[in-house]
Amino acid sequence: MKKIISLLLLVLISSVAVSQNTKNNSYILEGDVIQATLYNQDGTLAQTGYYTKDNKLTGEWISYDLQGDKTAIATYKNGEKVGTWFFYRGVILQEVSFVDSRIANVTTRNINH
């Protein structure tokens, strides 16, 4: 019986410790757009960005890996992909340019100095 109680306490303590690491996604109305801050299940930051009241991505969106490093910077305008997006893969930077929400150019370079 003591082993069962000890096991239950261990499970309870573990679940409390895990739940303390989680963060809730936040959505803040800023004028005509909503700022979104999205978290992974472990509480680390996953993405930040904006979308319109009619749920179209707009402005800059940044994605992060589980270590907190940027993996991508993207730009939208009323749900359309625009401008140059940046994808980080270790020491490799890939730049993808969009025109009319379609890929117009891709450049890959080493950013290790």
C-alpha atoms as a PDB file:
ATOM      1  CA  MET A   1       0.000   0.000   0.000  1.00  0.00           C
ATOM      2  CA  LYS A   2       2.849   2.389   0.846  1.00  0.00           C
ATOM      3  CA  LYS A   3       4.386   1.711  -2.571  1.00  0.00           C
ATOM      4  CA  ILE A   4       1.122   2.589  -4.321  1.00  0.00           C
ATOM      5  CA  ILE A   5       0.747   5.825  -2.349  1.00  0.00           C
ATOM      6  CA  SER A   6       4.390   6.716  -3.023  1.00  0.00           C
ATOM      7  CA  LEU A   7       3.897   6.039  -6.733  1.00  0.00           C
ATOM      8  CA  LEU A   8       0.739   8.170  -6.848  1.00  0.00           C
ATOM      9  CA  LEU A   9       2.518  11.029  -5.066  1.00  0.00           C
ATOM     10  CA  LEU A  10       5.412  10.796  -7.517  1.00  0.00           C
ATOM     11  CA  VAL A  11       3.035  10.954 -10.496  1.00  0.00           C
ATOM     12  CA  LEU A  12       1.165  13.899  -8.968  1.00  0.00           C
ATOM     13  CA  ILE A  13       4.362  15.831  -8.228  1.00  0.00           C
ATOM     14  CA  SER A  14       5.665  15.131 -11.753  1.00  0.00           C
ATOM     15  CA  SER A  15       2.458  16.364 -13.369  1.00  0.00           C
ATOM     16  CA  VAL A  16       2.497  19.542 -11.266  1.00  0.00           C
ATOM     17  CA  ALA A  17       6.119  20.182 -12.237  1.00  0.00           C
ATOM     18  CA  VAL A  18       5.309  19.719 -15.930  1.00  0.00           C
ATOM     19  CA  SER A  19       2.215  21.913 -15.785  1.00  0.00           C
ATOM     20  CA  GLN A  20       4.250  24.739 -14.278  1.00  0.00           C
ATOM     21  CA  ASN A  21       6.411  24.824 -17.427  1.00  0.00           C
ATOM     22  CA  THR A  22       3.509  25.286 -19.818  1.00  0.00           C
ATOM     23  CA  LYS A  23       2.424  28.713 -20.955  1.00  0.00           C
ATOM     24  CA  ASN A  24      -0.849  29.696 -22.514  1.00  0.00           C
ATOM     25  CA  ASN A  25      -0.910  31.217 -25.973  1.00  0.00           C
ATOM     26  CA  SER A  26      -1.754  34.906 -25.835  1.00  0.00           C
ATOM     27  CA  TYR A  27      -3.775  37.026 -28.227  1.00  0.00           C
ATOM     28  CA  ILE A  28      -3.762  40.798 -27.754  1.00  0.00           C
ATOM     29  CA  LEU A  29      -5.881  43.177 -29.807  1.00  0.00           C
ATOM     30  CA  GLU A  30      -3.723  46.061 -31.084  1.00  0.00           C
ATOM     31  CA  GLY A  31      -5.888  48.381 -33.150  1.00  0.00           C
ATOM     32  CA  ASP A  32      -6.959  46.515 -36.283  1.00  0.00           C
ATOM     33  CA  VAL A  33      -4.701  43.482 -35.727  1.00  0.00           C
ATOM     34  CA  ILE A  34      -4.264  40.760 -33.135  1.00  0.00           C
ATOM     35  CA  GLN A  35      -0.803  40.009 -31.769  1.00  0.00           C
ATOM     36  CA  ALA A  36      -0.320  36.273 -31.257  1.00  0.00           C
ATOM     37  CA  THR A  37       2.319  34.705 -29.030  1.00  0.00           C
ATOM     38  CA  LEU A  38       2.302  30.925 -29.333  1.00  0.00           C
ATOM     39  CA  TYR A  39       4.091  28.431 -27.081  1.00  0.00           C
ATOM     40  CA  ASN A  40       5.162  24.800 -27.408  1.00  0.00           C
ATOM     41  CA  GLN A  41       3.812  22.232 -24.941  1.00  0.00           C
ATOM     42  CA  ASP A  42       6.986  22.563 -22.859  1.00  0.00           C
ATOM     43  CA  GLY A  43       6.427  26.315 -22.440  1.00  0.00           C
ATOM     44  CA  THR A  44       9.107  27.494 -24.865  1.00  0.00           C
ATOM     45  CA  LEU A  45       8.239  30.213 -27.352  1.00  0.00           C
ATOM     46  CA  ALA A  46       7.152  28.779 -30.731  1.00  0.00           C
ATOM     47  CA  GLN A  47       5.927  31.759 -32.811  1.00  0.00           C
ATOM     48  CA  THR A  48       5.078  35.424 -32.642  1.00  0.00           C
ATOM     49  CA  GLY A  49       3.126  37.384 -35.197  1.00  0.00           C
ATOM     50  CA  TYR A  50      -0.020  39.226 -36.172  1.00  0.00           C
ATOM     51  CA  TYR A  51      -3.253  38.478 -37.925  1.00  0.00           C
ATOM     52  CA  THR A  52      -6.268  40.512 -38.919  1.00  0.00           C
ATOM     53  CA  LYS A  53      -9.669  40.366 -37.258  1.00  0.00           C
ATOM     54  CA  ASP A  54     -10.840  38.216 -40.186  1.00  0.00           C
ATOM     55  CA  ASN A  55      -8.045  35.679 -39.439  1.00  0.00           C
ATOM     56  CA  LYS A  56      -5.578  36.596 -42.198  1.00  0.00           C
ATOM     57  CA  LEU A  57      -1.899  36.513 -41.283  1.00  0.00           C
ATOM     58  CA  THR A  58      -0.319  39.932 -41.614  1.00  0.00           C
ATOM     59  CA  GLY A  59       3.004  41.538 -40.809  1.00  0.00           C
ATOM     60  CA  GLU A  60       6.065  39.734 -39.503  1.00  0.00           C
ATOM     61  CA  TRP A  61       5.902  36.198 -38.107  1.00  0.00           C
ATOM     62  CA  ILE A  62       8.889  34.700 -36.313  1.00  0.00           C
ATOM     63  CA  SER A  63       9.297  30.991 -35.550  1.00  0.00           C
ATOM     64  CA  TYR A  64      11.636  29.535 -32.913  1.00  0.00           C
ATOM     65  CA  ASP A  65      13.049  26.087 -32.203  1.00  0.00           C
ATOM     66  CA  LEU A  66      12.865  24.418 -28.789  1.00  0.00           C
ATOM     67  CA  GLN A  67      16.176  26.037 -27.774  1.00  0.00           C
ATOM     68  CA  GLY A  68      14.769  29.514 -28.458  1.00  0.00           C
ATOM     69  CA  ASP A  69      16.753  30.143 -31.645  1.00  0.00           C
ATOM     70  CA  LYS A  70      15.010  31.736 -34.628  1.00  0.00           C
ATOM     71  CA  THR A  71      14.213  29.280 -37.397  1.00  0.00           C
ATOM     72  CA  ALA A  72      12.206  31.535 -39.710  1.00  0.00           C
ATOM     73  CA  ILE A  73      11.132  35.116 -40.281  1.00  0.00           C
ATOM     74  CA  ALA A  74       8.172  35.497 -42.622  1.00  0.00           C
ATOM     75  CA  THR A  75       6.076  38.430 -43.806  1.00  0.00           C
ATOM     76  CA  TYR A  76       2.412  38.418 -44.774  1.00  0.00           C
ATOM     77  CA  LYS A  77       0.033  41.084 -46.025  1.00  0.00           C
ATOM     78  CA  ASN A  78      -3.646  40.239 -45.569  1.00  0.00           C
ATOM     79  CA  GLY A  79      -2.944  36.506 -45.803  1.00  0.00           C
ATOM     80  CA  GLU A  80      -0.590  36.742 -48.795  1.00  0.00           C
ATOM     81  CA  LYS A  81       3.104  35.804 -48.612  1.00  0.00           C
ATOM     82  CA  VAL A  82       5.181  38.907 -49.392  1.00  0.00           C
ATOM     83  CA  GLY A  83       8.753  40.069 -49.395  1.00  0.00           C
ATOM     84  CA  THR A  84      11.753  37.987 -48.454  1.00  0.00           C
ATOM     85  CA  TRP A  85      11.447  35.208 -45.921  1.00  0.00           C
ATOM     86  CA  PHE A  86      14.449  33.963 -43.963  1.00  0.00           C
ATOM     87  CA  PHE A  87      14.999  30.352 -42.895  1.00  0.00           C
ATOM     88  CA  TYR A  88      17.832  29.527 -40.495  1.00  0.00           C
ATOM     89  CA  ARG A  89      19.329  26.016 -40.471  1.00  0.00           C
ATOM     90  CA  GLY A  90      22.434  26.117 -38.293  1.00  0.00           C
ATOM     91  CA  VAL A  91      25.009  28.125 -40.251  1.00  0.00           C
ATOM     92  CA  ILE A  92      22.870  28.089 -43.414  1.00  0.00           C
ATOM     93  CA  LEU A  93      20.554  30.991 -44.221  1.00  0.00           C
ATOM     94  CA  GLN A  94      17.994  30.502 -46.954  1.00  0.00           C
ATOM     95  CA  GLU A  95      16.280  33.604 -48.346  1.00  0.00           C
ATOM     96  CA  VAL A  96      13.040  33.021 -50.223  1.00  0.00           C
ATOM     97  CA  SER A  97      11.499  35.968 -52.085  1.00  0.00           C
ATOM     98  CA  PHE A  98       7.775  36.017 -52.806  1.00  0.00           C
ATOM     99  CA  VAL A  99       5.802  37.859 -55.489  1.00  0.00           C
ATOM    100  CA  ASP A 100       2.023  37.385 -55.610  1.00  0.00           C
ATOM    101  CA  SER A 101       2.347  34.770 -52.832  1.00  0.00           C
ATOM    102  CA  ARG A 102       4.570  32.637 -55.090  1.00  0.00           C
ATOM    103  CA  ILE A 103       8.273  31.910 -54.821  1.00  0.00           C
ATOM    104  CA  ALA A 104      10.194  34.246 -57.123  1.00  0.00           C
ATOM    105  CA  ASN A 105      13.763  33.583 -55.973  1.00  0.00           C
ATOM    106  CA  VAL A 106      15.697  31.401 -53.530  1.00  0.00           C
ATOM    107  CA  THR A 107      19.184  32.195 -52.251  1.00  0.00           C
ATOM    108  CA  THR A 108      21.166  29.998 -49.875  1.00  0.00           C
ATOM    109  CA  ARG A 109      24.325  31.104 -48.119  1.00  0.00           C
ATOM    110  CA  ASN A 110      26.613  30.214 -45.251  1.00  0.00           C
ATOM    111  CA  ILE A 111      26.382  32.709 -42.367  1.00  0.00           C
ATOM    112  CA  ASN A 112      29.262  31.229 -40.360  1.00  0.00           C
ATOM    113  CA  HIS A 113      31.789  34.021 -39.997  1.00  0.00           C
END
